[in-house]
Amino acid sequence: MKKLSLMAGVGILAVILTGCGPKKATKETLSQIEECRKAEQAAQQKIEELNAQIQELKSDNLDGKIQALQHERDSLKNYLNLLEQGY
């Protein structure tokens, strides 16, 4: 009787451990993971492109401000020269 209950206990334990073991990923899950990886790569590339565009726009804006300030400086120099000459 002890052997029978011991064997039944081992059998139940084997079934429980087999059911709790690691499971393989399905093809569907693997394809979803691959799609997510591709989407992540595309998003990273888009982020890099947008950051480059931001830097370009910032530098363009600075160039325009520099030109405007240089023009203002030149105008003020001319006005100062005219004042010094007595006009």
N, C-alpha and C. Protein backbone atom coordinates (compact mmCIF):
# COMPACT_ATOMS: atom_id res chain seq x y z
N MET A 1 0.81 -1.18 0.00
CA MET A 1 0.00 0.00 0.00
C MET A 1 0.87 1.26 0.00
N LYS A 2 1.95 1.19 0.77
CA LYS A 2 2.84 2.34 0.81
C LYS A 2 3.48 2.58 -0.55
N LYS A 3 3.83 1.49 -1.24
CA LYS A 3 4.43 1.63 -2.56
C LYS A 3 3.46 2.28 -3.53
N LEU A 4 2.20 1.87 -3.45
CA LEU A 4 1.18 2.40 -4.34
C LEU A 4 0.95 3.88 -4.08
N SER A 5 0.84 4.28 -2.84
CA SER A 5 0.63 5.70 -2.52
C SER A 5 1.88 6.52 -2.85
N LEU A 6 3.06 5.92 -2.67
CA LEU A 6 4.30 6.61 -3.03
C LEU A 6 4.38 6.80 -4.53
N MET A 7 4.02 5.81 -5.30
CA MET A 7 4.04 5.92 -6.76
C MET A 7 3.00 6.93 -7.25
N ALA A 8 1.84 6.91 -6.61
CA ALA A 8 0.80 7.88 -6.98
C ALA A 8 1.27 9.29 -6.67
N GLY A 9 1.91 9.47 -5.52
CA GLY A 9 2.43 10.78 -5.15
C GLY A 9 3.50 11.25 -6.11
N VAL A 10 4.40 10.35 -6.51
CA VAL A 10 5.45 10.70 -7.48
C VAL A 10 4.81 11.05 -8.82
N GLY A 11 3.81 10.29 -9.21
CA GLY A 11 3.12 10.56 -10.48
C GLY A 11 2.44 11.92 -10.47
N ILE A 12 1.76 12.24 -9.40
CA ILE A 12 1.09 13.55 -9.28
C ILE A 12 2.13 14.67 -9.29
N LEU A 13 3.21 14.46 -8.56
CA LEU A 13 4.28 15.44 -8.52
C LEU A 13 4.89 15.65 -9.90
N ALA A 14 5.05 14.57 -10.66
CA ALA A 14 5.61 14.67 -12.02
C ALA A 14 4.67 15.47 -12.92
N VAL A 15 3.38 15.23 -12.80
CA VAL A 15 2.39 15.96 -13.61
C VAL A 15 2.42 17.44 -13.25
N ILE A 16 2.49 17.75 -11.97
CA ILE A 16 2.52 19.16 -11.53
C ILE A 16 3.77 19.85 -12.03
N LEU A 17 4.91 19.20 -11.89
CA LEU A 17 6.17 19.81 -12.33
C LEU A 17 6.23 19.96 -13.85
N THR A 18 5.67 19.03 -14.57
CA THR A 18 5.64 19.13 -16.02
C THR A 18 4.74 20.29 -16.45
N GLY A 19 3.65 20.47 -15.79
CA GLY A 19 2.73 21.57 -16.13
C GLY A 19 3.30 22.93 -15.79
N CYS A 20 4.19 23.02 -14.82
CA CYS A 20 4.76 24.29 -14.40
C CYS A 20 6.07 24.61 -15.11
N GLY A 21 6.52 23.72 -15.96
CA GLY A 21 7.80 23.91 -16.64
C GLY A 21 7.74 25.02 -17.68
N PRO A 22 8.89 25.35 -18.26
CA PRO A 22 8.93 26.43 -19.26
C PRO A 22 8.16 26.04 -20.51
N LYS A 23 7.56 27.00 -21.10
CA LYS A 23 6.77 26.77 -22.30
C LYS A 23 7.49 27.42 -23.48
N LYS A 24 7.38 26.80 -24.63
CA LYS A 24 7.99 27.36 -25.83
C LYS A 24 7.13 28.50 -26.37
N ALA A 25 7.81 29.47 -26.96
CA ALA A 25 7.08 30.56 -27.58
C ALA A 25 6.48 30.07 -28.89
N THR A 26 5.29 30.51 -29.19
CA THR A 26 4.65 30.10 -30.44
C THR A 26 5.21 30.94 -31.58
N LYS A 27 4.97 30.47 -32.79
CA LYS A 27 5.42 31.21 -33.97
C LYS A 27 4.76 32.58 -34.02
N GLU A 28 3.53 32.65 -33.59
CA GLU A 28 2.80 33.93 -33.58
C GLU A 28 3.47 34.92 -32.62
N THR A 29 3.85 34.43 -31.45
CA THR A 29 4.52 35.29 -30.47
C THR A 29 5.86 35.75 -31.00
N LEU A 30 6.60 34.85 -31.62
CA LEU A 30 7.91 35.21 -32.18
C LEU A 30 7.76 36.25 -33.29
N SER A 31 6.73 36.10 -34.12
CA SER A 31 6.53 37.08 -35.19
C SER A 31 6.13 38.44 -34.61
N GLN A 32 5.34 38.44 -33.54
CA GLN A 32 4.98 39.70 -32.89
C GLN A 32 6.21 40.37 -32.30
N ILE A 33 7.09 39.58 -31.71
CA ILE A 33 8.32 40.14 -31.14
C ILE A 33 9.18 40.74 -32.26
N GLU A 34 9.27 40.07 -33.38
CA GLU A 34 10.06 40.57 -34.51
C GLU A 34 9.46 41.86 -35.05
N GLU A 35 8.15 41.92 -35.15
CA GLU A 35 7.48 43.14 -35.60
C GLU A 35 7.76 44.30 -34.65
N CYS A 36 7.73 44.01 -33.36
CA CYS A 36 8.01 45.05 -32.36
C CYS A 36 9.46 45.54 -32.47
N ARG A 37 10.37 44.63 -32.72
CA ARG A 37 11.78 45.03 -32.89
C ARG A 37 11.94 45.93 -34.11
N LYS A 38 11.29 45.56 -35.20
CA LYS A 38 11.37 46.38 -36.41
C LYS A 38 10.76 47.75 -36.18
N ALA A 39 9.64 47.79 -35.48
CA ALA A 39 8.99 49.07 -35.17
C ALA A 39 9.89 49.91 -34.28
N GLU A 40 10.56 49.28 -33.33
CA GLU A 40 11.47 50.02 -32.46
C GLU A 40 12.63 50.61 -33.25
N GLN A 41 13.19 49.83 -34.16
CA GLN A 41 14.30 50.32 -34.98
C GLN A 41 13.84 51.49 -35.84
N ALA A 42 12.66 51.39 -36.43
CA ALA A 42 12.13 52.47 -37.25
C ALA A 42 11.91 53.72 -36.41
N ALA A 43 11.40 53.54 -35.19
CA ALA A 43 11.17 54.69 -34.31
C ALA A 43 12.49 55.33 -33.90
N GLN A 44 13.51 54.52 -33.62
CA GLN A 44 14.83 55.07 -33.26
C GLN A 44 15.41 55.86 -34.42
N GLN A 45 15.26 55.35 -35.63
CA GLN A 45 15.77 56.06 -36.80
C GLN A 45 15.03 57.39 -36.99
N LYS A 46 13.73 57.37 -36.79
CA LYS A 46 12.93 58.60 -36.92
C LYS A 46 13.35 59.62 -35.87
N ILE A 47 13.63 59.15 -34.65
CA ILE A 47 14.08 60.05 -33.57
C ILE A 47 15.40 60.70 -33.97
N GLU A 48 16.34 59.91 -34.52
CA GLU A 48 17.62 60.45 -34.93
C GLU A 48 17.45 61.50 -36.04
N GLU A 49 16.57 61.20 -37.01
CA GLU A 49 16.31 62.15 -38.09
C GLU A 49 15.71 63.45 -37.54
N LEU A 50 14.75 63.34 -36.63
CA LEU A 50 14.12 64.53 -36.07
C LEU A 50 15.10 65.35 -35.23
N ASN A 51 15.97 64.67 -34.47
CA ASN A 51 16.98 65.39 -33.70
C ASN A 51 17.93 66.14 -34.61
N ALA A 52 18.32 65.53 -35.72
CA ALA A 52 19.18 66.20 -36.69
C ALA A 52 18.47 67.41 -37.29
N GLN A 53 17.19 67.24 -37.57
CA GLN A 53 16.41 68.35 -38.13
C GLN A 53 16.29 69.49 -37.11
N ILE A 54 16.11 69.16 -35.85
CA ILE A 54 16.03 70.18 -34.80
C ILE A 54 17.33 70.97 -34.73
N GLN A 55 18.45 70.26 -34.76
CA GLN A 55 19.75 70.92 -34.70
C GLN A 55 19.94 71.83 -35.91
N GLU A 56 19.52 71.37 -37.08
CA GLU A 56 19.64 72.18 -38.29
C GLU A 56 18.80 73.45 -38.18
N LEU A 57 17.57 73.29 -37.68
CA LEU A 57 16.69 74.46 -37.54
C LEU A 57 17.24 75.44 -36.51
N LYS A 58 17.80 74.91 -35.42
CA LYS A 58 18.39 75.79 -34.42
C LYS A 58 19.56 76.57 -35.00
N SER A 59 20.40 75.90 -35.76
CA SER A 59 21.56 76.59 -36.33
C SER A 59 21.12 77.61 -37.38
N ASP A 60 20.09 77.26 -38.18
CA ASP A 60 19.57 78.22 -39.16
C ASP A 60 19.02 79.45 -38.46
N ASN A 61 18.29 79.25 -37.40
CA ASN A 61 17.70 80.35 -36.65
C ASN A 61 18.79 81.24 -36.07
N LEU A 62 19.86 80.64 -35.56
CA LEU A 62 20.97 81.41 -35.00
C LEU A 62 21.66 82.21 -36.09
N ASP A 63 21.82 81.63 -37.26
CA ASP A 63 22.45 82.36 -38.36
C ASP A 63 21.63 83.59 -38.74
N GLY A 64 20.32 83.43 -38.77
CA GLY A 64 19.46 84.57 -39.08
C GLY A 64 19.56 85.66 -38.02
N LYS A 65 19.60 85.26 -36.75
CA LYS A 65 19.73 86.24 -35.67
C LYS A 65 21.07 86.95 -35.73
N ILE A 66 22.12 86.19 -36.03
CA ILE A 66 23.45 86.80 -36.12
C ILE A 66 23.47 87.82 -37.24
N GLN A 67 22.91 87.49 -38.38
CA GLN A 67 22.88 88.43 -39.50
C GLN A 67 22.08 89.68 -39.14
N ALA A 68 20.96 89.50 -38.48
CA ALA A 68 20.14 90.65 -38.09
C ALA A 68 20.89 91.54 -37.11
N LEU A 69 21.57 90.94 -36.15
CA LEU A 69 22.33 91.72 -35.18
C LEU A 69 23.52 92.42 -35.83
N GLN A 70 24.16 91.76 -36.79
CA GLN A 70 25.27 92.40 -37.49
C GLN A 70 24.77 93.59 -38.30
N HIS A 71 23.62 93.44 -38.91
CA HIS A 71 23.05 94.55 -39.67
C HIS A 71 22.71 95.71 -38.74
N GLU A 72 22.13 95.39 -37.59
CA GLU A 72 21.81 96.43 -36.62
C GLU A 72 23.08 97.12 -36.12
N ARG A 73 24.12 96.33 -35.88
CA ARG A 73 25.40 96.89 -35.43
C ARG A 73 25.96 97.85 -36.47
N ASP A 74 25.93 97.43 -37.75
CA ASP A 74 26.45 98.28 -38.82
C ASP A 74 25.65 99.57 -38.93
N SER A 75 24.35 99.47 -38.78
CA SER A 75 23.50 100.66 -38.85
C SER A 75 23.83 101.61 -37.71
N LEU A 76 24.01 101.07 -36.50
CA LEU A 76 24.35 101.91 -35.35
C LEU A 76 25.74 102.54 -35.50
N LYS A 77 26.67 101.81 -36.09
CA LYS A 77 28.01 102.37 -36.34
C LYS A 77 27.91 103.54 -37.31
N ASN A 78 27.14 103.36 -38.37
CA ASN A 78 26.96 104.44 -39.34
C ASN A 78 26.31 105.65 -38.69
N TYR A 79 25.32 105.42 -37.86
CA TYR A 79 24.63 106.52 -37.18
C TYR A 79 25.59 107.23 -36.23
N LEU A 80 26.41 106.46 -35.53
CA LEU A 80 27.39 107.04 -34.60
C LEU A 80 28.42 107.87 -35.37
N ASN A 81 28.86 107.37 -36.50
CA ASN A 81 29.82 108.12 -37.33
C ASN A 81 29.22 109.43 -37.80
N LEU A 82 27.97 109.41 -38.18
CA LEU A 82 27.30 110.64 -38.62
C LEU A 82 27.19 111.63 -37.47
N LEU A 83 26.88 111.13 -36.26
CA LEU A 83 26.79 112.02 -35.10
C LEU A 83 28.16 112.62 -34.77
N GLU A 84 29.21 111.80 -34.87
CA GLU A 84 30.55 112.31 -34.57
C GLU A 84 31.00 113.36 -35.58
N GLN A 85 30.53 113.24 -36.79
CA GLN A 85 30.90 114.22 -37.83
C GLN A 85 30.07 115.50 -37.72
N GLY A 86 29.09 115.49 -36.88
CA GLY A 86 28.31 116.70 -36.63
C GLY A 86 27.04 116.80 -37.43
N TYR A 87 26.57 115.76 -38.01
CA TYR A 87 25.33 115.84 -38.78
C TYR A 87 24.14 115.68 -37.93
